[in-house]
PDB file of N, CA and C in Angstrom:
ATOM      1  N   MET A   1       0.841  -1.164   0.000  1.00  0.00           N
ATOM      2  CA  MET A   1       0.000   0.000   0.000  1.00  0.00           C
ATOM      3  C   MET A   1       0.894   1.238   0.000  1.00  0.00           C
ATOM      4  N   PRO A   2       0.699   2.105  -0.946  1.00  0.00           N
ATOM      5  CA  PRO A   2       1.513   3.329  -0.975  1.00  0.00           C
ATOM      6  C   PRO A   2       1.321   4.122   0.310  1.00  0.00           C
ATOM      7  N   GLY A   3       2.417   4.577   0.870  1.00  0.00           N
ATOM      8  CA  GLY A   3       2.352   5.377   2.076  1.00  0.00           C
ATOM      9  C   GLY A   3       2.464   4.585   3.367  1.00  0.00           C
ATOM     10  N   ALA A   4       2.369   3.266   3.302  1.00  0.00           N
ATOM     11  CA  ALA A   4       2.468   2.465   4.526  1.00  0.00           C
ATOM     12  C   ALA A   4       3.846   2.618   5.165  1.00  0.00           C
ATOM     13  N   ASP A   5       4.841   2.904   4.363  1.00  0.00           N
ATOM     14  CA  ASP A   5       6.188   3.073   4.904  1.00  0.00           C
ATOM     15  C   ASP A   5       6.360   4.403   5.638  1.00  0.00           C
ATOM     16  N   LEU A   6       5.329   5.231   5.638  1.00  0.00           N
ATOM     17  CA  LEU A   6       5.377   6.479   6.390  1.00  0.00           C
ATOM     18  C   LEU A   6       5.016   6.279   7.858  1.00  0.00           C
ATOM     19  N   SER A   7       4.626   5.080   8.209  1.00  0.00           N
ATOM     20  CA  SER A   7       4.206   4.787   9.576  1.00  0.00           C
ATOM     21  C   SER A   7       5.371   4.886  10.546  1.00  0.00           C
ATOM     22  N   ASP A   8       5.041   5.206  11.796  1.00  0.00           N
ATOM     23  CA  ASP A   8       6.043   5.192  12.860  1.00  0.00           C
ATOM     24  C   ASP A   8       6.543   3.780  13.125  1.00  0.00           C
ATOM     25  N   ASN A   9       5.832   2.779  12.640  1.00  0.00           N
ATOM     26  CA  ASN A   9       6.214   1.382  12.852  1.00  0.00           C
ATOM     27  C   ASN A   9       7.253   0.895  11.860  1.00  0.00           C
ATOM     28  N   TRP A  10       7.495   1.625  10.816  1.00  0.00           N
ATOM     29  CA  TRP A  10       8.385   1.166   9.751  1.00  0.00           C
ATOM     30  C   TRP A  10       9.784   0.789  10.250  1.00  0.00           C
ATOM     31  N   PRO A  11      10.440   1.575  11.108  1.00  0.00           N
ATOM     32  CA  PRO A  11      11.777   1.184  11.579  1.00  0.00           C
ATOM     33  C   PRO A  11      11.782  -0.153  12.308  1.00  0.00           C
ATOM     34  N   HIS A  12      10.696  -0.460  13.026  1.00  0.00           N
ATOM     35  CA  HIS A  12      10.621  -1.746  13.725  1.00  0.00           C
ATOM     36  C   HIS A  12      10.544  -2.892  12.732  1.00  0.00           C
ATOM     37  N   ARG A  13       9.782  -2.693  11.684  1.00  0.00           N
ATOM     38  CA  ARG A  13       9.664  -3.728  10.654  1.00  0.00           C
ATOM     39  C   ARG A  13      11.020  -3.958   9.971  1.00  0.00           C
ATOM     40  N   GLU A  14      11.708  -2.879   9.720  1.00  0.00           N
ATOM     41  CA  GLU A  14      13.018  -2.981   9.066  1.00  0.00           C
ATOM     42  C   GLU A  14      14.012  -3.788   9.908  1.00  0.00           C
ATOM     43  N   GLU A  15      13.836  -3.782  11.226  1.00  0.00           N
ATOM     44  CA  GLU A  15      14.707  -4.540  12.126  1.00  0.00           C
ATOM     45  C   GLU A  15      14.121  -5.902  12.482  1.00  0.00           C
ATOM     46  N   SER A  16      13.055  -6.300  11.795  1.00  0.00           N
ATOM     47  CA  SER A  16      12.400  -7.603  11.957  1.00  0.00           C
ATOM     48  C   SER A  16      11.727  -7.803  13.312  1.00  0.00           C
ATOM     49  N   TYR A  17      11.317  -6.728  13.965  1.00  0.00           N
ATOM     50  CA  TYR A  17      10.529  -6.860  15.184  1.00  0.00           C
ATOM     51  C   TYR A  17       9.103  -7.229  14.792  1.00  0.00           C
ATOM     52  N   PRO A  18       8.503  -8.197  15.481  1.00  0.00           N
ATOM     53  CA  PRO A  18       7.124  -8.548  15.153  1.00  0.00           C
ATOM     54  C   PRO A  18       6.174  -7.421  15.558  1.00  0.00           C
ATOM     55  N   GLY A  19       5.127  -7.286  14.820  1.00  0.00           N
ATOM     56  CA  GLY A  19       4.161  -6.251  15.160  1.00  0.00           C
ATOM     57  C   GLY A  19       2.953  -6.303  14.245  1.00  0.00           C
ATOM     58  N   LEU A  20       2.017  -5.483  14.570  1.00  0.00           N
ATOM     59  CA  LEU A  20       0.786  -5.376  13.801  1.00  0.00           C
ATOM     60  C   LEU A  20       0.539  -3.906  13.537  1.00  0.00           C
ATOM     61  N   MET A  21       0.378  -3.551  12.291  1.00  0.00           N
ATOM     62  CA  MET A  21       0.083  -2.171  11.952  1.00  0.00           C
ATOM     63  C   MET A  21      -1.325  -2.101  11.374  1.00  0.00           C
ATOM     64  N   ILE A  22      -2.109  -1.244  11.953  1.00  0.00           N
ATOM     65  CA  ILE A  22      -3.458  -1.007  11.457  1.00  0.00           C
ATOM     66  C   ILE A  22      -3.488   0.442  11.015  1.00  0.00           C
ATOM     67  N   THR A  23      -3.825   0.650   9.765  1.00  0.00           N
ATOM     68  CA  THR A  23      -3.817   2.015   9.252  1.00  0.00           C
ATOM     69  C   THR A  23      -5.187   2.398   8.713  1.00  0.00           C
ATOM     70  N   GLY A  24      -5.531   3.613   8.987  1.00  0.00           N
ATOM     71  CA  GLY A  24      -6.759   4.165   8.432  1.00  0.00           C
ATOM     72  C   GLY A  24      -6.448   5.058   7.253  1.00  0.00           C
ATOM     73  N   THR A  25      -5.180   5.086   6.867  1.00  0.00           N
ATOM     74  CA  THR A  25      -4.693   5.932   5.773  1.00  0.00           C
ATOM     75  C   THR A  25      -5.243   7.349   5.883  1.00  0.00           C
ATOM     76  N   ALA A  26      -5.196   7.886   7.095  1.00  0.00           N
ATOM     77  CA  ALA A  26      -5.767   9.207   7.365  1.00  0.00           C
ATOM     78  C   ALA A  26      -5.200  10.281   6.449  1.00  0.00           C
ATOM     79  N   PHE A  27      -3.920  10.191   6.152  1.00  0.00           N
ATOM     80  CA  PHE A  27      -3.311  11.216   5.314  1.00  0.00           C
ATOM     81  C   PHE A  27      -3.873  11.225   3.896  1.00  0.00           C
ATOM     82  N   LEU A  28      -4.493  10.110   3.481  1.00  0.00           N
ATOM     83  CA  LEU A  28      -5.111  10.058   2.158  1.00  0.00           C
ATOM     84  C   LEU A  28      -6.543  10.610   2.181  1.00  0.00           C
ATOM     85  N   ARG A  29      -7.153  10.662   3.360  1.00  0.00           N
ATOM     86  CA  ARG A  29      -8.547  11.087   3.473  1.00  0.00           C
ATOM     87  C   ARG A  29      -8.729  12.424   4.161  1.00  0.00           C
ATOM     88  N   ASN A  30      -7.758  12.817   4.975  1.00  0.00           N
ATOM     89  CA  ASN A  30      -7.906  14.028   5.770  1.00  0.00           C
ATOM     90  C   ASN A  30      -6.822  15.030   5.385  1.00  0.00           C
ATOM     91  N   PRO A  31      -7.190  16.098   4.686  1.00  0.00           N
ATOM     92  CA  PRO A  31      -6.173  17.069   4.270  1.00  0.00           C
ATOM     93  C   PRO A  31      -5.549  17.819   5.452  1.00  0.00           C
ATOM     94  N   ARG A  32      -6.121  17.698   6.636  1.00  0.00           N
ATOM     95  CA  ARG A  32      -5.594  18.369   7.833  1.00  0.00           C
ATOM     96  C   ARG A  32      -4.685  17.462   8.662  1.00  0.00           C
ATOM     97  N   TYR A  33      -4.497  16.216   8.246  1.00  0.00           N
ATOM     98  CA  TYR A  33      -3.754  15.220   9.030  1.00  0.00           C
ATOM     99  C   TYR A  33      -2.378  15.735   9.439  1.00  0.00           C
ATOM    100  N   HIS A  34      -2.130  15.750  10.750  1.00  0.00           N
ATOM    101  CA  HIS A  34      -0.864  16.176  11.346  1.00  0.00           C
ATOM    102  C   HIS A  34      -0.494  17.621  11.030  1.00  0.00           C
ATOM    103  N   LEU A  35      -1.485  18.430  10.770  1.00  0.00           N
ATOM    104  CA  LEU A  35      -1.259  19.861  10.554  1.00  0.00           C
ATOM    105  C   LEU A  35      -1.899  20.642  11.698  1.00  0.00           C
ATOM    106  N   PRO A  36      -1.509  21.879  11.897  1.00  0.00           N
ATOM    107  CA  PRO A  36      -2.130  22.678  12.967  1.00  0.00           C
ATOM    108  C   PRO A  36      -3.647  22.814  12.824  1.00  0.00           C
ATOM    109  N   THR A  37      -4.148  22.656  11.609  1.00  0.00           N
ATOM    110  CA  THR A  37      -5.597  22.773  11.393  1.00  0.00           C
ATOM    111  C   THR A  37      -6.349  21.492  11.715  1.00  0.00           C
ATOM    112  N   GLU A  38      -5.641  20.408  12.066  1.00  0.00           N
ATOM    113  CA  GLU A  38      -6.313  19.165  12.474  1.00  0.00           C
ATOM    114  C   GLU A  38      -6.731  19.331  13.932  1.00  0.00           C
ATOM    115  N   ARG A  39      -7.993  19.598  14.112  1.00  0.00           N
ATOM    116  CA  ARG A  39      -8.537  19.841  15.450  1.00  0.00           C
ATOM    117  C   ARG A  39      -9.612  18.800  15.745  1.00  0.00           C
ATOM    118  N   VAL A  40     -10.002  18.744  16.994  1.00  0.00           N
ATOM    119  CA  VAL A  40     -11.009  17.782  17.440  1.00  0.00           C
ATOM    120  C   VAL A  40     -12.284  17.901  16.607  1.00  0.00           C
ATOM    121  N   ASP A  41     -12.689  19.109  16.306  1.00  0.00           N
ATOM    122  CA  ASP A  41     -13.939  19.293  15.570  1.00  0.00           C
ATOM    123  C   ASP A  41     -13.821  18.937  14.088  1.00  0.00           C
ATOM    124  N   THR A  42     -12.621  18.562  13.610  1.00  0.00           N
ATOM    125  CA  THR A  42     -12.466  18.163  12.210  1.00  0.00           C
ATOM    126  C   THR A  42     -12.405  16.645  12.041  1.00  0.00           C
ATOM    127  N   LEU A  43     -12.483  15.914  13.152  1.00  0.00           N
ATOM    128  CA  LEU A  43     -12.366  14.454  13.094  1.00  0.00           C
ATOM    129  C   LEU A  43     -13.728  13.796  12.887  1.00  0.00           C
ATOM    130  N   ASP A  44     -13.720  12.630  12.261  1.00  0.00           N
ATOM    131  CA  ASP A  44     -14.953  11.889  11.977  1.00  0.00           C
ATOM    132  C   ASP A  44     -15.088  10.763  13.003  1.00  0.00           C
ATOM    133  N   TYR A  45     -15.728  11.064  14.124  1.00  0.00           N
ATOM    134  CA  TYR A  45     -15.828  10.102  15.224  1.00  0.00           C
ATOM    135  C   TYR A  45     -16.694   8.893  14.877  1.00  0.00           C
ATOM    136  N   GLU A  46     -17.675   9.063  14.039  1.00  0.00           N
ATOM    137  CA  GLU A  46     -18.508   7.918  13.647  1.00  0.00           C
ATOM    138  C   GLU A  46     -17.683   6.888  12.886  1.00  0.00           C
ATOM    139  N   ARG A  47     -16.870   7.336  11.962  1.00  0.00           N
ATOM    140  CA  ARG A  47     -16.017   6.389  11.221  1.00  0.00           C
ATOM    141  C   ARG A  47     -14.953   5.778  12.118  1.00  0.00           C
ATOM    142  N   MET A  48     -14.392   6.570  13.016  1.00  0.00           N
ATOM    143  CA  MET A  48     -13.395   6.020  13.935  1.00  0.00           C
ATOM    144  C   MET A  48     -14.017   4.936  14.809  1.00  0.00           C
ATOM    145  N   ALA A  49     -15.229   5.165  15.282  1.00  0.00           N
ATOM    146  CA  ALA A  49     -15.913   4.162  16.099  1.00  0.00           C
ATOM    147  C   ALA A  49     -16.192   2.902  15.298  1.00  0.00           C
ATOM    148  N   ALA A  50     -16.551   3.052  14.031  1.00  0.00           N
ATOM    149  CA  ALA A  50     -16.801   1.883  13.181  1.00  0.00           C
ATOM    150  C   ALA A  50     -15.528   1.060  13.014  1.00  0.00           C
ATOM    151  N   VAL A  51     -14.386   1.730  12.888  1.00  0.00           N
ATOM    152  CA  VAL A  51     -13.106   1.020  12.763  1.00  0.00           C
ATOM    153  C   VAL A  51     -12.804   0.265  14.049  1.00  0.00           C
ATOM    154  N   VAL A  52     -13.019   0.889  15.184  1.00  0.00           N
ATOM    155  CA  VAL A  52     -12.765   0.230  16.469  1.00  0.00           C
ATOM    156  C   VAL A  52     -13.660  -0.996  16.629  1.00  0.00           C
ATOM    157  N   ARG A  53     -14.929  -0.864  16.259  1.00  0.00           N
ATOM    158  CA  ARG A  53     -15.845  -2.018  16.351  1.00  0.00           C
ATOM    159  C   ARG A  53     -15.381  -3.154  15.430  1.00  0.00           C
ATOM    160  N   ALA A  54     -14.977  -2.820  14.226  1.00  0.00           N
ATOM    161  CA  ALA A  54     -14.511  -3.850  13.292  1.00  0.00           C
ATOM    162  C   ALA A  54     -13.251  -4.532  13.815  1.00  0.00           C
ATOM    163  N   LEU A  55     -12.342  -3.750  14.393  1.00  0.00           N
ATOM    164  CA  LEU A  55     -11.134  -4.342  14.973  1.00  0.00           C
ATOM    165  C   LEU A  55     -11.466  -5.254  16.138  1.00  0.00           C
ATOM    166  N   GLU A  56     -12.398  -4.835  16.967  1.00  0.00           N
ATOM    167  CA  GLU A  56     -12.805  -5.678  18.090  1.00  0.00           C
ATOM    168  C   GLU A  56     -13.341  -7.015  17.593  1.00  0.00           C
ATOM    169  N   HIS A  57     -14.210  -6.995  16.608  1.00  0.00           N
ATOM    170  CA  HIS A  57     -14.770  -8.239  16.063  1.00  0.00           C
ATOM    171  C   HIS A  57     -13.677  -9.108  15.443  1.00  0.00           C
ATOM    172  N   THR A  58     -12.742  -8.473  14.761  1.00  0.00           N
ATOM    173  CA  THR A  58     -11.645  -9.229  14.142  1.00  0.00           C
ATOM    174  C   THR A  58     -10.772  -9.877  15.200  1.00  0.00           C
ATOM    175  N   ILE A  59     -10.380  -9.102  16.194  1.00  0.00           N
ATOM    176  CA  ILE A  59      -9.506  -9.632  17.249  1.00  0.00           C
ATOM    177  C   ILE A  59     -10.194 -10.741  18.022  1.00  0.00           C
ATOM    178  N   ARG A  60     -11.447 -10.559  18.354  1.00  0.00           N
ATOM    179  CA  ARG A  60     -12.176 -11.611  19.081  1.00  0.00           C
ATOM    180  C   ARG A  60     -12.311 -12.877  18.244  1.00  0.00           C
ATOM    181  N   GLY A  61     -12.356 -12.726  16.943  1.00  0.00           N
ATOM    182  CA  GLY A  61     -12.464 -13.891  16.070  1.00  0.00           C
ATOM    183  C   GLY A  61     -11.157 -14.618  15.859  1.00  0.00           C
ATOM    184  N   VAL A  62     -10.037 -13.928  16.119  1.00  0.00           N
ATOM    185  CA  VAL A  62      -8.724 -14.512  15.891  1.00  0.00           C
ATOM    186  C   VAL A  62      -8.137 -15.094  17.164  1.00  0.00           C
ATOM    187  N   TRP A  63      -8.236 -14.344  18.267  1.00  0.00           N
ATOM    188  CA  TRP A  63      -7.647 -14.799  19.516  1.00  0.00           C
ATOM    189  C   TRP A  63      -8.731 -15.353  20.430  1.00  0.00           C
ATOM    190  N   PRO A  64      -8.513 -16.552  20.949  1.00  0.00           N
ATOM    191  CA  PRO A  64      -9.521 -17.128  21.869  1.00  0.00           C
ATOM    192  C   PRO A  64      -9.566 -16.329  23.170  1.00  0.00           C
ATOM    193  N   THR A  65     -10.722 -16.264  23.744  1.00  0.00           N
ATOM    194  CA  THR A  65     -10.854 -15.569  25.023  1.00  0.00           C
ATOM    195  C   THR A  65     -10.365 -16.473  26.155  1.00  0.00           C
ATOM    196  N   ALA A  66      -9.828 -15.849  27.165  1.00  0.00           N
ATOM    197  CA  ALA A  66      -9.345 -16.613  28.337  1.00  0.00           C
ATOM    198  C   ALA A  66     -10.568 -16.962  29.193  1.00  0.00           C
ATOM    199  N   GLU A  67     -10.647 -18.190  29.592  1.00  0.00           N
ATOM    200  CA  GLU A  67     -11.781 -18.620  30.428  1.00  0.00           C
ATOM    201  C   GLU A  67     -11.275 -19.245  31.702  1.00  0.00           C
TER     202      GLU A  67
END
């Protein structure tokens, strides 16, 4: 994916540290990303919540729960 190497996780991957990167590609969708104009009132909380819910369902489906 173009731009994935811009992640803060990239140096860890280069050194073969295991990890999981989840990206919302915000810089491709939000012209204010990491700029002074990126403020709380410019964020899309409904979409962020949908991503969190999807991640929760994915993680619960992959890792067994401790009983």
